[in-house]
Amino acid sequence: MFGMGVQEMMLLLLVVLLLFGAKRIPEIAGSFGKGIKEFKKNMNDVQREIQTTDAPRTEALPRGESANVRDESVPAVEPKRLI
């Protein structure tokens, strides 16, 4: 796993045990698991959002028209000048 042997894993476990103590390790592991679960949930929400917002745009365009066509009824906004 990650290019680590059994001896390296045991040494890492020993260091973690010494740093945090036996009582805190399950608590830390639980928090880590909840964080991973929340991250995956948010990633799925973002993917779902992207899929639902992209789908109507591609279907709504008539054949032969590009999505880059600017609506002429909306005036263009000039960028702010820095000098």
N, C-alpha and C. Protein backbone atom coordinates (compact mmCIF):
# COMPACT_ATOMS: atom_id res chain seq x y z
N MET A 1 0.85 -1.18 0.00
CA MET A 1 0.00 0.00 0.00
C MET A 1 0.89 1.24 0.00
N PHE A 2 0.79 2.07 -1.00
CA PHE A 2 1.55 3.31 -1.15
C PHE A 2 3.06 3.06 -1.13
N GLY A 3 3.48 1.87 -1.54
CA GLY A 3 4.90 1.56 -1.58
C GLY A 3 5.50 1.35 -0.20
N MET A 4 4.65 1.11 0.79
CA MET A 4 5.14 0.91 2.15
C MET A 4 5.07 -0.57 2.50
N GLY A 5 6.10 -1.06 3.17
CA GLY A 5 6.12 -2.43 3.63
C GLY A 5 5.43 -2.58 4.97
N VAL A 6 5.42 -3.79 5.46
CA VAL A 6 4.78 -4.08 6.74
C VAL A 6 5.51 -3.37 7.88
N GLN A 7 6.84 -3.33 7.81
CA GLN A 7 7.61 -2.71 8.88
C GLN A 7 7.35 -1.21 8.95
N GLU A 8 7.27 -0.56 7.79
CA GLU A 8 7.00 0.88 7.78
C GLU A 8 5.60 1.17 8.33
N MET A 9 4.63 0.33 7.97
CA MET A 9 3.26 0.51 8.47
C MET A 9 3.21 0.35 9.99
N MET A 10 3.93 -0.64 10.52
CA MET A 10 3.94 -0.87 11.97
C MET A 10 4.61 0.31 12.68
N LEU A 11 5.67 0.85 12.11
CA LEU A 11 6.35 2.00 12.71
C LEU A 11 5.44 3.22 12.70
N LEU A 12 4.73 3.42 11.62
CA LEU A 12 3.78 4.54 11.53
C LEU A 12 2.67 4.39 12.56
N LEU A 13 2.13 3.18 12.70
CA LEU A 13 1.09 2.94 13.69
C LEU A 13 1.60 3.21 15.11
N LEU A 14 2.83 2.82 15.39
CA LEU A 14 3.43 3.04 16.71
C LEU A 14 3.57 4.54 16.99
N VAL A 15 4.03 5.29 15.99
CA VAL A 15 4.19 6.73 16.16
C VAL A 15 2.83 7.39 16.42
N VAL A 16 1.82 7.00 15.65
CA VAL A 16 0.47 7.55 15.84
C VAL A 16 -0.06 7.20 17.22
N LEU A 17 0.17 5.98 17.65
CA LEU A 17 -0.28 5.56 18.97
C LEU A 17 0.40 6.37 20.08
N LEU A 18 1.68 6.62 19.92
CA LEU A 18 2.41 7.42 20.92
C LEU A 18 1.97 8.87 20.92
N LEU A 19 1.69 9.43 19.75
CA LEU A 19 1.30 10.83 19.66
C LEU A 19 -0.11 11.09 20.21
N PHE A 20 -1.05 10.25 19.84
CA PHE A 20 -2.44 10.53 20.16
C PHE A 20 -3.01 9.70 21.30
N GLY A 21 -2.43 8.58 21.59
CA GLY A 21 -2.95 7.72 22.65
C GLY A 21 -4.03 6.79 22.13
N ALA A 22 -4.24 5.70 22.83
CA ALA A 22 -5.16 4.67 22.38
C ALA A 22 -6.62 5.13 22.39
N LYS A 23 -6.97 6.04 23.29
CA LYS A 23 -8.36 6.48 23.39
C LYS A 23 -8.76 7.42 22.26
N ARG A 24 -7.82 8.20 21.76
CA ARG A 24 -8.14 9.21 20.73
C ARG A 24 -8.13 8.65 19.31
N ILE A 25 -7.47 7.53 19.07
CA ILE A 25 -7.35 7.01 17.70
C ILE A 25 -8.71 6.69 17.08
N PRO A 26 -9.64 6.00 17.77
CA PRO A 26 -10.95 5.77 17.16
C PRO A 26 -11.72 7.06 16.87
N GLU A 27 -11.55 8.04 17.74
CA GLU A 27 -12.21 9.34 17.55
C GLU A 27 -11.65 10.04 16.30
N ILE A 28 -10.35 10.02 16.14
CA ILE A 28 -9.71 10.64 14.98
C ILE A 28 -10.11 9.90 13.70
N ALA A 29 -10.12 8.58 13.75
CA ALA A 29 -10.50 7.79 12.57
C ALA A 29 -11.95 8.06 12.19
N GLY A 30 -12.83 8.19 13.16
CA GLY A 30 -14.23 8.50 12.89
C GLY A 30 -14.39 9.87 12.25
N SER A 31 -13.66 10.85 12.76
CA SER A 31 -13.71 12.19 12.18
C SER A 31 -13.18 12.19 10.75
N PHE A 32 -12.11 11.44 10.53
CA PHE A 32 -11.54 11.33 9.19
C PHE A 32 -12.54 10.69 8.23
N GLY A 33 -13.22 9.64 8.68
CA GLY A 33 -14.22 8.97 7.85
C GLY A 33 -15.39 9.88 7.52
N LYS A 34 -15.85 10.66 8.49
CA LYS A 34 -16.94 11.61 8.25
C LYS A 34 -16.52 12.68 7.25
N GLY A 35 -15.28 13.13 7.36
CA GLY A 35 -14.77 14.13 6.43
C GLY A 35 -14.72 13.60 5.00
N ILE A 36 -14.26 12.37 4.85
CA ILE A 36 -14.21 11.74 3.52
C ILE A 36 -15.62 11.59 2.96
N LYS A 37 -16.56 11.16 3.80
CA LYS A 37 -17.95 10.98 3.37
C LYS A 37 -18.55 12.31 2.91
N GLU A 38 -18.32 13.37 3.66
CA GLU A 38 -18.83 14.70 3.31
C GLU A 38 -18.20 15.20 2.01
N PHE A 39 -16.90 14.96 1.84
CA PHE A 39 -16.21 15.36 0.62
C PHE A 39 -16.80 14.66 -0.59
N LYS A 40 -17.01 13.36 -0.50
CA LYS A 40 -17.59 12.60 -1.62
C LYS A 40 -19.01 13.09 -1.92
N LYS A 41 -19.79 13.37 -0.88
CA LYS A 41 -21.15 13.87 -1.08
C LYS A 41 -21.13 15.19 -1.83
N ASN A 42 -20.23 16.09 -1.43
CA ASN A 42 -20.13 17.39 -2.10
C ASN A 42 -19.65 17.24 -3.54
N MET A 43 -18.73 16.33 -3.79
CA MET A 43 -18.26 16.10 -5.15
C MET A 43 -19.40 15.58 -6.04
N ASN A 44 -20.21 14.67 -5.51
CA ASN A 44 -21.35 14.16 -6.26
C ASN A 44 -22.36 15.27 -6.54
N ASP A 45 -22.59 16.15 -5.56
CA ASP A 45 -23.51 17.27 -5.76
C ASP A 45 -23.01 18.19 -6.86
N VAL A 46 -21.71 18.47 -6.87
CA VAL A 46 -21.13 19.34 -7.90
C VAL A 46 -21.25 18.69 -9.27
N GLN A 47 -20.95 17.40 -9.37
CA GLN A 47 -21.07 16.70 -10.65
C GLN A 47 -22.52 16.71 -11.14
N ARG A 48 -23.46 16.48 -10.24
CA ARG A 48 -24.88 16.49 -10.61
C ARG A 48 -25.29 17.88 -11.09
N GLU A 49 -24.80 18.91 -10.41
CA GLU A 49 -25.11 20.30 -10.78
C GLU A 49 -24.56 20.62 -12.17
N ILE A 50 -23.34 20.19 -12.44
CA ILE A 50 -22.72 20.43 -13.75
C ILE A 50 -23.51 19.72 -14.83
N GLN A 51 -23.89 18.49 -14.59
CA GLN A 51 -24.63 17.72 -15.59
C GLN A 51 -25.99 18.33 -15.87
N THR A 52 -26.68 18.81 -14.84
CA THR A 52 -28.01 19.38 -15.06
C THR A 52 -27.95 20.75 -15.71
N THR A 53 -26.91 21.53 -15.46
CA THR A 53 -26.82 22.85 -16.08
C THR A 53 -26.29 22.77 -17.50
N ASP A 54 -25.48 21.78 -17.84
CA ASP A 54 -24.96 21.65 -19.19
C ASP A 54 -25.98 21.05 -20.15
N ALA A 55 -26.82 20.17 -19.67
CA ALA A 55 -27.75 19.47 -20.55
C ALA A 55 -28.72 20.41 -21.28
N PRO A 56 -29.40 21.35 -20.62
CA PRO A 56 -30.35 22.20 -21.35
C PRO A 56 -29.69 23.11 -22.38
N ARG A 57 -28.49 23.58 -22.13
CA ARG A 57 -27.82 24.48 -23.07
C ARG A 57 -27.56 23.81 -24.40
N THR A 58 -27.09 22.58 -24.39
CA THR A 58 -26.76 21.91 -25.64
C THR A 58 -28.01 21.52 -26.40
N GLU A 59 -29.09 21.22 -25.70
CA GLU A 59 -30.33 20.83 -26.37
C GLU A 59 -31.10 22.05 -26.88
N ALA A 60 -30.95 23.20 -26.25
CA ALA A 60 -31.73 24.37 -26.60
C ALA A 60 -31.22 25.06 -27.87
N LEU A 61 -29.99 24.81 -28.29
CA LEU A 61 -29.45 25.47 -29.47
C LEU A 61 -30.01 24.85 -30.75
N PRO A 62 -30.45 25.68 -31.69
CA PRO A 62 -30.87 25.14 -32.98
C PRO A 62 -29.67 24.60 -33.74
N ARG A 63 -29.94 23.77 -34.71
CA ARG A 63 -28.85 23.17 -35.49
C ARG A 63 -28.05 24.25 -36.20
N GLY A 64 -26.75 24.08 -36.17
CA GLY A 64 -25.87 24.99 -36.88
C GLY A 64 -25.48 26.23 -36.11
N GLU A 65 -26.12 26.51 -34.98
CA GLU A 65 -25.77 27.69 -34.20
C GLU A 65 -24.74 27.34 -33.16
N SER A 66 -23.85 28.27 -32.91
CA SER A 66 -22.79 28.08 -31.93
C SER A 66 -23.22 28.68 -30.60
N ALA A 67 -22.69 28.13 -29.52
CA ALA A 67 -22.99 28.66 -28.19
C ALA A 67 -22.26 29.97 -27.95
N ASN A 68 -21.31 30.32 -28.81
CA ASN A 68 -20.52 31.55 -28.63
C ASN A 68 -21.19 32.77 -29.25
N VAL A 69 -22.36 32.63 -29.85
CA VAL A 69 -23.04 33.76 -30.46
C VAL A 69 -23.55 34.68 -29.36
N ARG A 70 -23.21 35.99 -29.46
CA ARG A 70 -23.61 36.95 -28.43
C ARG A 70 -24.96 37.54 -28.79
N ASP A 71 -25.80 37.72 -27.79
CA ASP A 71 -27.11 38.31 -27.98
C ASP A 71 -26.92 39.81 -28.22
N GLU A 72 -27.35 40.30 -29.37
CA GLU A 72 -27.15 41.72 -29.73
C GLU A 72 -28.05 42.66 -28.94
N SER A 73 -29.11 42.15 -28.32
CA SER A 73 -30.00 43.01 -27.56
C SER A 73 -29.39 43.42 -26.22
N VAL A 74 -28.38 42.69 -25.76
CA VAL A 74 -27.72 43.00 -24.50
C VAL A 74 -26.45 43.78 -24.82
N PRO A 75 -26.31 45.01 -24.31
CA PRO A 75 -25.11 45.79 -24.63
C PRO A 75 -23.86 45.19 -23.99
N ALA A 76 -22.76 45.32 -24.73
CA ALA A 76 -21.48 44.82 -24.23
C ALA A 76 -20.98 45.72 -23.11
N VAL A 77 -20.33 45.15 -22.13
CA VAL A 77 -19.79 45.91 -21.02
C VAL A 77 -18.31 46.14 -21.28
N GLU A 78 -17.89 47.39 -21.21
CA GLU A 78 -16.48 47.69 -21.43
C GLU A 78 -15.70 47.39 -20.16
N PRO A 79 -14.49 46.86 -20.32
CA PRO A 79 -13.65 46.59 -19.12
C PRO A 79 -13.19 47.90 -18.50
N LYS A 80 -12.96 47.87 -17.21
CA LYS A 80 -12.48 49.07 -16.51
C LYS A 80 -11.05 49.36 -16.92
N ARG A 81 -10.75 50.62 -17.07
CA ARG A 81 -9.38 51.01 -17.43
C ARG A 81 -8.59 51.24 -16.15
N LEU A 82 -7.37 50.73 -16.14
CA LEU A 82 -6.53 50.85 -14.96
C LEU A 82 -5.72 52.14 -14.96
N ILE A 83 -5.50 52.71 -16.13
CA ILE A 83 -4.68 53.93 -16.21
C ILE A 83 -5.52 55.09 -16.66
